[in-house]
């Protein structure tokens, strides 16, 4: 958001900040949310190239709605389920680890004023 818009909103009584600030997340909690969302996207992209949600669900003894929730970053889905699903798509532990290691590497640091 540009500075002028931020100032207009603050002048009208709005508080402007990040989702992490609004939810009062610790840096660790914010990173975990970022990892889960990135893994969800990674899973969806891999799965779409190889199989349907139903096929993946059958492969990992889960359900199609559960796979849909995993791909949409539902908080009720564990990271364990997402990793099992990624492994079932043929991802290696090294690929998954490298993907996690690169999360946020292109992010620009922000001031916490």
C-alpha atoms as a PDB file:
ATOM      1  CA  UNK A   1       0.000   0.000   0.000  1.00  0.00           C
ATOM      2  CA  UNK A   2       1.407   3.421  -0.846  1.00  0.00           C
ATOM      3  CA  UNK A   3       2.279   5.900   1.897  1.00  0.00           C
ATOM      4  CA  UNK A   4      -0.402   8.463   0.935  1.00  0.00           C
ATOM      5  CA  UNK A   5      -3.179   5.859   1.129  1.00  0.00           C
ATOM      6  CA  UNK A   6      -1.857   4.619   4.464  1.00  0.00           C
ATOM      7  CA  UNK A   7      -1.869   8.159   5.840  1.00  0.00           C
ATOM      8  CA  UNK A   8      -5.448   8.795   4.603  1.00  0.00           C
ATOM      9  CA  UNK A   9      -6.681   5.602   6.256  1.00  0.00           C
ATOM     10  CA  UNK A  10      -4.891   6.329   9.517  1.00  0.00           C
ATOM     11  CA  UNK A  11      -6.332   9.867   9.507  1.00  0.00           C
ATOM     12  CA  UNK A  12      -9.816   8.319   9.319  1.00  0.00           C
ATOM     13  CA  UNK A  13      -9.082   6.175  12.372  1.00  0.00           C
ATOM     14  CA  UNK A  14      -8.072   2.948  10.638  1.00  0.00           C
ATOM     15  CA  UNK A  15      -5.122   0.997  11.925  1.00  0.00           C
ATOM     16  CA  UNK A  16      -2.824  -0.134   9.128  1.00  0.00           C
ATOM     17  CA  UNK A  17      -0.563  -3.141   9.574  1.00  0.00           C
ATOM     18  CA  UNK A  18       0.232  -6.657   8.532  1.00  0.00           C
ATOM     19  CA  UNK A  19      -1.822  -9.788   9.102  1.00  0.00           C
ATOM     20  CA  UNK A  20       0.833 -10.952  11.555  1.00  0.00           C
ATOM     21  CA  UNK A  21       0.455  -7.756  13.563  1.00  0.00           C
ATOM     22  CA  UNK A  22      -3.346  -7.971  13.518  1.00  0.00           C
ATOM     23  CA  UNK A  23      -3.294 -11.576  14.735  1.00  0.00           C
ATOM     24  CA  UNK A  24      -0.404 -10.819  17.113  1.00  0.00           C
ATOM     25  CA  UNK A  25       1.647 -13.682  15.712  1.00  0.00           C
ATOM     26  CA  UNK A  26       5.157 -14.269  16.939  1.00  0.00           C
ATOM     27  CA  UNK A  27       7.819 -14.377  14.212  1.00  0.00           C
ATOM     28  CA  UNK A  28       7.865 -18.172  14.600  1.00  0.00           C
ATOM     29  CA  UNK A  29       4.091 -18.451  14.187  1.00  0.00           C
ATOM     30  CA  UNK A  30       4.171 -16.178  11.132  1.00  0.00           C
ATOM     31  CA  UNK A  31       6.923 -18.305   9.583  1.00  0.00           C
ATOM     32  CA  UNK A  32       4.962 -21.496  10.243  1.00  0.00           C
ATOM     33  CA  UNK A  33       1.889 -20.020   8.529  1.00  0.00           C
ATOM     34  CA  UNK A  34       4.067 -18.983   5.588  1.00  0.00           C
ATOM     35  CA  UNK A  35       5.548 -22.497   5.349  1.00  0.00           C
ATOM     36  CA  UNK A  36       2.121 -24.171   5.436  1.00  0.00           C
ATOM     37  CA  UNK A  37       0.746 -21.894   2.716  1.00  0.00           C
ATOM     38  CA  UNK A  38       3.799 -22.417   0.522  1.00  0.00           C
ATOM     39  CA  UNK A  39       3.632 -26.197   1.000  1.00  0.00           C
ATOM     40  CA  UNK A  40      -0.049 -26.114   0.040  1.00  0.00           C
ATOM     41  CA  UNK A  41       0.777 -24.320  -3.188  1.00  0.00           C
ATOM     42  CA  UNK A  42       3.693 -26.671  -3.900  1.00  0.00           C
ATOM     43  CA  UNK A  43       1.461 -29.708  -3.324  1.00  0.00           C
ATOM     44  CA  UNK A  44      -1.272 -28.395  -5.613  1.00  0.00           C
ATOM     45  CA  UNK A  45       1.137 -27.577  -8.428  1.00  0.00           C
ATOM     46  CA  UNK A  46       2.785 -31.024  -8.248  1.00  0.00           C
ATOM     47  CA  UNK A  47      -0.480 -32.911  -7.939  1.00  0.00           C
ATOM     48  CA  UNK A  48      -2.167 -31.112 -10.859  1.00  0.00           C
ATOM     49  CA  UNK A  49       0.626 -32.241 -13.180  1.00  0.00           C
ATOM     50  CA  UNK A  50       0.303 -35.899 -12.187  1.00  0.00           C
ATOM     51  CA  UNK A  51      -3.126 -36.921 -10.911  1.00  0.00           C
ATOM     52  CA  UNK A  52      -6.514 -35.917  -9.605  1.00  0.00           C
ATOM     53  CA  UNK A  53      -7.234 -35.114  -5.976  1.00  0.00           C
ATOM     54  CA  UNK A  54      -9.183 -38.377  -5.724  1.00  0.00           C
ATOM     55  CA  UNK A  55      -6.231 -40.385  -7.058  1.00  0.00           C
ATOM     56  CA  UNK A  56      -3.846 -38.763  -4.592  1.00  0.00           C
ATOM     57  CA  UNK A  57      -6.292 -39.302  -1.735  1.00  0.00           C
ATOM     58  CA  UNK A  58      -6.540 -42.989  -2.561  1.00  0.00           C
ATOM     59  CA  UNK A  59      -2.767 -43.262  -2.738  1.00  0.00           C
ATOM     60  CA  UNK A  60      -2.290 -41.878   0.780  1.00  0.00           C
ATOM     61  CA  UNK A  61      -5.448 -43.437   2.262  1.00  0.00           C
ATOM     62  CA  UNK A  62      -7.194 -40.123   2.765  1.00  0.00           C
ATOM     63  CA  UNK A  63     -10.167 -38.409   1.132  1.00  0.00           C
ATOM     64  CA  UNK A  64     -10.554 -36.044  -1.811  1.00  0.00           C
ATOM     65  CA  UNK A  65     -12.021 -33.257   0.392  1.00  0.00           C
ATOM     66  CA  UNK A  66      -9.002 -33.579   2.694  1.00  0.00           C
ATOM     67  CA  UNK A  67      -6.642 -33.159  -0.273  1.00  0.00           C
ATOM     68  CA  UNK A  68      -8.635 -30.103  -1.376  1.00  0.00           C
ATOM     69  CA  UNK A  69      -8.263 -28.644   2.121  1.00  0.00           C
ATOM     70  CA  UNK A  70      -4.526 -29.362   2.101  1.00  0.00           C
ATOM     71  CA  UNK A  71      -4.145 -27.604  -1.251  1.00  0.00           C
ATOM     72  CA  UNK A  72      -6.091 -24.604   0.026  1.00  0.00           C
ATOM     73  CA  UNK A  73      -4.015 -24.166   3.174  1.00  0.00           C
ATOM     74  CA  UNK A  74      -6.755 -25.151   5.622  1.00  0.00           C
ATOM     75  CA  UNK A  75      -5.410 -24.773   9.156  1.00  0.00           C
ATOM     76  CA  UNK A  76      -6.965 -28.110  10.155  1.00  0.00           C
ATOM     77  CA  UNK A  77      -4.638 -30.010   7.797  1.00  0.00           C
ATOM     78  CA  UNK A  78      -1.328 -31.061   9.296  1.00  0.00           C
ATOM     79  CA  UNK A  79       2.032 -30.450   7.723  1.00  0.00           C
ATOM     80  CA  UNK A  80       2.525 -34.210   8.052  1.00  0.00           C
ATOM     81  CA  UNK A  81      -0.390 -34.887   5.706  1.00  0.00           C
ATOM     82  CA  UNK A  82       0.932 -32.352   3.200  1.00  0.00           C
ATOM     83  CA  UNK A  83       4.384 -33.923   3.244  1.00  0.00           C
ATOM     84  CA  UNK A  84       2.948 -37.442   2.879  1.00  0.00           C
ATOM     85  CA  UNK A  85       0.937 -36.201  -0.101  1.00  0.00           C
ATOM     86  CA  UNK A  86       3.985 -34.541  -1.669  1.00  0.00           C
ATOM     87  CA  UNK A  87       6.004 -37.721  -1.230  1.00  0.00           C
ATOM     88  CA  UNK A  88       3.163 -39.630  -2.918  1.00  0.00           C
ATOM     89  CA  UNK A  89       3.492 -37.304  -5.920  1.00  0.00           C
ATOM     90  CA  UNK A  90       7.134 -38.326  -6.209  1.00  0.00           C
ATOM     91  CA  UNK A  91       8.753 -35.404  -4.435  1.00  0.00           C
ATOM     92  CA  UNK A  92      11.932 -36.367  -2.616  1.00  0.00           C
ATOM     93  CA  UNK A  93      12.690 -35.340   0.963  1.00  0.00           C
ATOM     94  CA  UNK A  94      15.533 -33.273  -0.469  1.00  0.00           C
ATOM     95  CA  UNK A  95      13.175 -31.390  -2.816  1.00  0.00           C
ATOM     96  CA  UNK A  96      10.744 -30.705   0.013  1.00  0.00           C
ATOM     97  CA  UNK A  97      13.568 -29.556   2.293  1.00  0.00           C
ATOM     98  CA  UNK A  98      15.016 -27.314  -0.407  1.00  0.00           C
ATOM     99  CA  UNK A  99      11.585 -25.831  -1.061  1.00  0.00           C
ATOM    100  CA  UNK A 100      11.137 -25.040   2.641  1.00  0.00           C
ATOM    101  CA  UNK A 101      14.659 -23.607   2.826  1.00  0.00           C
ATOM    102  CA  UNK A 102      13.849 -21.181   0.018  1.00  0.00           C
ATOM    103  CA  UNK A 103      10.630 -19.853   1.536  1.00  0.00           C
ATOM    104  CA  UNK A 104      10.947 -16.151   2.073  1.00  0.00           C
ATOM    105  CA  UNK A 105      14.373 -15.902   0.456  1.00  0.00           C
ATOM    106  CA  UNK A 106      13.097 -13.286  -1.999  1.00  0.00           C
ATOM    107  CA  UNK A 107      11.165 -11.353   0.634  1.00  0.00           C
ATOM    108  CA  UNK A 108      12.236  -7.779   1.316  1.00  0.00           C
ATOM    109  CA  UNK A 109      12.766  -7.063   5.021  1.00  0.00           C
ATOM    110  CA  UNK A 110      10.222  -4.646   6.483  1.00  0.00           C
ATOM    111  CA  UNK A 111      10.552  -2.224   9.330  1.00  0.00           C
ATOM    112  CA  UNK A 112       8.537  -3.147  12.447  1.00  0.00           C
ATOM    113  CA  UNK A 113       7.854   0.482  13.487  1.00  0.00           C
END
